[in-house]
Each structure stands twice: as C-alpha cells, then as structure tokens.
Amino acid sequence: MIAAKQGNVYVSTAAKYRVVGEAAIAGSENSTTLCISPIYEADIPVETPEEEGPSLLAGMILEGDLTEEEVQAIAALYPAWDIDNHENVLFHHGSTIYRAIQPHTTQSNWTPDATPALWVKAVPDNVIPEWVQPTGAHDSYHVGDFVTHNDWVWECTAGDASGNNSWEPGVYGWAQVEPV
C-alpha cells in the first residue's frame, strides 16, 4: 500500500515497518516519514545488525602498540633529514618522524632533536599518537586529531579561535572515542 500523498510529498505514519523504495526502515508509533517519491508501507520486520557500523578508528594504529622494529620500519618509509627539508614535509631523523614547523635555511647542526623551535615530532596519518602537552601553537592539536590518553582514544572536537587545542583530553575540547 502506498502512503498518503499530500501535495508533492508522500507521508507515512505507519506504526510498524515501512519500505521506502528498496530500503526497509524501522518505524515507531509516533514517527512520520516525508518523501518526494512513493512510500510503500509493509508489515515486514527489519533486521537490525548486531554490531554497530565500522569503527571510526578502523585501520588506525596506536603509537603505543608499535614495536621498536615497527617504528624503525615506518620511519624508513620517509626520507632522511637533511639540510634541504621543507616545511610540512615528513622525514625521519633516527627512528623519529619530524616535520618543519617554519620555513628556514637549515644548518647542519640544526638537527630536529637539537632545535625544537624549527621541528616538531610527527606521526603518519594512520597512527594515533600518545597525547603530549603542547608547548605552543606549533605543536598543539587540531579539531579531528586523535590521541591516546589515560587508557582512552580521544578526538579533538574544539579549539581556540585559531583551531588550536592545548588542553588535556577530558578538560576541554576532547571527546572519548573508545577505550584502548
């Protein structure tokens, strides 16, 4: 049976289940569905999956779960540090991945481990780092960043006017995603 048509819109107030096009959706006693295409009402059960959808963190790796050999293997995927690196390019120095945080002419003794004003530790996109207290805007977190802290994975959801968040997860601007 097709639901009632009101103007150009089909309206369904079915209390059980309805089929919209080819998709079955669950209804409730006080639900209303509006659609510009015909709504076919049917008294058929809708199978609800046991599990929720794919995890927000599917395909992600926790930094703390990596072995030293894995850290070295990941670092080796990036070019080695040299004096010609450019801003926002990931590279490795030893087994640590870095990126330049400001344009500059590098000198041979301005290595990433010796000049934190020029370089910040970085992780590949699919690795969730452990939270570290930022020291300034150059290494603060941004909306959409993930970190681990106190046995939880957290997502940064808010920052200051520039989008920077230096607060500890659980204080401000972070949402718990799932336990570690």
Protein backbone atom coordinates (compact mmCIF):
# COMPACT_ATOMS: atom_id res chain seq x y z
CA MET A 1 0.00 0.00 0.00
CA ILE A 2 1.34 3.44 -0.88
CA ALA A 3 1.28 6.03 1.89
CA ALA A 4 -0.95 9.08 1.59
CA LYS A 5 0.15 11.80 -0.81
CA GLN A 6 -0.09 15.40 0.38
CA GLY A 7 0.77 17.77 -2.46
CA ASN A 8 4.10 16.62 -3.90
CA VAL A 9 5.08 14.76 -0.73
CA TYR A 10 4.16 11.25 0.42
CA VAL A 11 3.51 10.99 4.15
CA SER A 12 3.62 7.80 6.22
CA THR A 13 2.64 7.44 9.84
CA ALA A 14 2.86 3.65 9.92
CA ALA A 15 3.43 2.27 13.39
CA LYS A 16 5.31 -0.84 12.34
CA TYR A 17 7.71 -1.04 9.43
CA ARG A 18 7.80 0.60 6.04
CA VAL A 19 9.73 0.20 2.86
CA VAL A 20 10.95 3.35 1.14
CA GLY A 21 12.00 2.47 -2.38
CA GLU A 22 14.02 -0.70 -1.83
CA ALA A 23 15.22 0.11 1.71
CA ALA A 24 13.35 -1.09 4.76
CA ILE A 25 13.39 1.26 7.73
CA ALA A 26 12.03 0.84 11.23
CA GLY A 27 9.11 2.92 12.32
CA SER A 28 7.64 3.79 15.68
CA GLU A 29 4.17 4.64 16.93
CA ASN A 30 4.72 8.35 16.60
CA SER A 31 7.03 8.55 13.59
CA THR A 32 6.29 10.38 10.39
CA THR A 33 8.22 9.95 7.16
CA LEU A 34 8.13 12.54 4.40
CA CYS A 35 9.42 11.65 0.96
CA ILE A 36 9.05 13.05 -2.56
CA SER A 37 8.90 9.54 -4.03
CA PRO A 38 6.20 6.97 -3.17
CA ILE A 39 6.47 5.34 0.25
CA TYR A 40 5.33 1.72 0.21
CA GLU A 41 4.17 0.57 3.61
CA ALA A 42 4.62 -3.05 4.54
CA ASP A 43 4.33 -5.09 7.71
CA ILE A 44 7.74 -6.79 7.45
CA PRO A 45 10.46 -6.99 10.11
CA VAL A 46 13.66 -5.04 9.61
CA GLU A 47 16.85 -6.85 10.55
CA THR A 48 18.99 -4.77 12.85
CA PRO A 49 22.69 -5.60 12.67
CA GLU A 50 24.17 -6.97 15.88
CA GLU A 51 27.24 -4.76 15.61
CA GLU A 52 27.39 -1.05 15.04
CA GLY A 53 28.90 0.25 11.81
CA PRO A 54 32.61 0.23 11.17
CA SER A 55 34.72 1.75 13.89
CA LEU A 56 35.72 5.37 13.47
CA LEU A 57 39.25 4.13 14.11
CA ALA A 58 39.25 1.27 11.58
CA GLY A 59 42.69 0.96 10.03
CA MET A 60 44.34 3.13 12.69
CA ILE A 61 47.34 2.02 14.75
CA LEU A 62 48.03 3.14 18.30
CA GLU A 63 51.53 4.56 18.62
CA GLY A 64 51.99 2.75 21.92
CA ASP A 65 51.27 -0.62 20.28
CA LEU A 66 54.18 -0.36 17.82
CA THR A 67 57.34 -2.33 18.49
CA GLU A 68 60.72 -0.64 18.06
CA GLU A 69 61.23 -2.60 14.84
CA GLU A 70 57.87 -1.36 13.51
CA VAL A 71 58.72 2.23 14.45
CA GLN A 72 62.01 1.95 12.57
CA ALA A 73 60.28 0.37 9.55
CA ILE A 74 57.68 3.17 9.45
CA ALA A 75 60.36 5.85 9.83
CA ALA A 76 62.34 4.31 6.96
CA LEU A 77 59.36 4.96 4.66
CA TYR A 78 60.15 8.69 4.87
CA PRO A 79 63.22 10.47 3.55
CA ALA A 80 66.10 11.03 5.96
CA TRP A 81 66.58 14.51 7.40
CA ASP A 82 68.98 16.74 5.53
CA ILE A 83 69.52 20.48 5.32
CA ASP A 84 67.17 20.81 2.34
CA ASN A 85 63.91 19.71 4.03
CA HIS A 86 60.91 21.98 3.54
CA GLU A 87 58.03 22.98 5.77
CA ASN A 88 55.30 20.34 6.34
CA VAL A 89 57.28 17.53 4.70
CA LEU A 90 57.56 14.42 6.86
CA PHE A 91 61.05 12.93 7.21
CA HIS A 92 62.94 10.86 9.74
CA HIS A 93 65.92 11.56 11.94
CA GLY A 94 66.95 8.35 13.65
CA SER A 95 63.72 6.43 14.25
CA THR A 96 61.62 9.55 14.89
CA ILE A 97 59.47 11.24 12.25
CA TYR A 98 59.50 15.05 12.15
CA ARG A 99 58.20 17.94 10.09
CA ALA A 100 59.49 21.51 9.87
CA ILE A 101 57.18 23.99 11.57
CA GLN A 102 58.51 27.13 9.90
CA PRO A 103 60.38 27.92 6.73
CA HIS A 104 64.10 28.42 7.29
CA THR A 105 67.51 27.80 5.84
CA THR A 106 68.75 24.80 7.74
CA GLN A 107 72.26 24.43 9.03
CA SER A 108 73.91 21.08 9.57
CA ASN A 109 73.87 21.48 13.36
CA TRP A 110 70.15 22.39 13.47
CA THR A 111 69.03 18.78 13.73
CA PRO A 112 65.43 18.10 14.77
CA ASP A 113 66.41 16.76 18.17
CA ALA A 114 68.55 19.84 18.89
CA THR A 115 66.28 22.65 17.62
CA PRO A 116 62.66 22.17 18.74
CA ALA A 117 61.78 25.69 17.58
CA LEU A 118 62.19 24.50 13.98
CA TRP A 119 60.91 20.92 14.07
CA VAL A 120 58.05 19.01 15.65
CA LYS A 121 57.62 15.27 16.07
CA ALA A 122 55.01 13.88 13.72
CA VAL A 123 53.22 10.61 13.08
CA PRO A 124 51.83 9.16 9.84
CA ASP A 125 48.12 9.71 9.22
CA ASN A 126 47.10 6.20 10.27
CA VAL A 127 48.95 6.27 13.63
CA ILE A 128 47.26 7.66 16.75
CA PRO A 129 49.94 9.26 18.94
CA GLU A 130 50.04 9.35 22.69
CA TRP A 131 48.96 12.77 23.99
CA VAL A 132 51.82 15.11 24.93
CA GLN A 133 51.29 18.54 26.49
CA PRO A 134 51.81 21.06 23.68
CA THR A 135 54.42 23.76 24.25
CA GLY A 136 52.89 26.26 21.83
CA ALA A 137 50.73 26.75 18.75
CA HIS A 138 53.28 24.92 16.60
CA ASP A 139 52.62 21.57 18.27
CA SER A 140 49.04 21.98 19.51
CA TYR A 141 46.27 19.64 18.44
CA HIS A 142 43.52 20.49 15.97
CA VAL A 143 39.87 19.52 15.51
CA GLY A 144 39.76 15.99 14.12
CA ASP A 145 43.08 14.88 15.64
CA PHE A 146 43.09 11.63 17.61
CA VAL A 147 45.32 10.83 20.62
CA THR A 148 45.54 8.22 23.34
CA HIS A 149 45.46 9.36 26.95
CA ASN A 150 44.56 7.65 30.24
CA ASP A 151 43.58 4.38 28.53
CA TRP A 152 41.23 6.06 26.02
CA VAL A 153 41.35 7.22 22.44
CA TRP A 154 40.21 10.84 22.27
CA GLU A 155 39.13 13.01 19.34
CA CYS A 156 39.80 16.75 19.39
CA THR A 157 36.43 18.46 18.95
CA ALA A 158 37.18 22.12 19.77
CA GLY A 159 39.99 24.62 19.91
CA ASP A 160 40.64 28.31 20.29
CA ALA A 161 39.89 30.90 17.60
CA SER A 162 42.83 29.59 15.54
CA GLY A 163 41.66 25.98 15.89
CA ASN A 164 44.46 25.07 18.31
CA ASN A 165 43.81 22.89 21.36
CA SER A 166 46.44 22.58 24.06
CA TRP A 167 44.10 21.32 26.78
CA GLU A 168 44.48 17.86 28.22
CA PRO A 169 41.90 15.35 27.00
CA GLY A 170 39.00 15.33 29.44
CA VAL A 171 39.43 19.02 30.33
CA TYR A 172 38.13 20.85 27.27
CA GLY A 173 37.61 20.20 23.57
CA TRP A 174 38.00 16.41 23.54
CA ALA A 175 35.53 13.54 23.20
CA GLN A 176 36.22 10.00 24.35
CA VAL A 177 36.02 7.67 21.35
CA GLU A 178 36.80 4.22 22.72
CA PRO A 179 38.95 2.57 25.39
CA VAL A 180 42.45 1.49 24.47
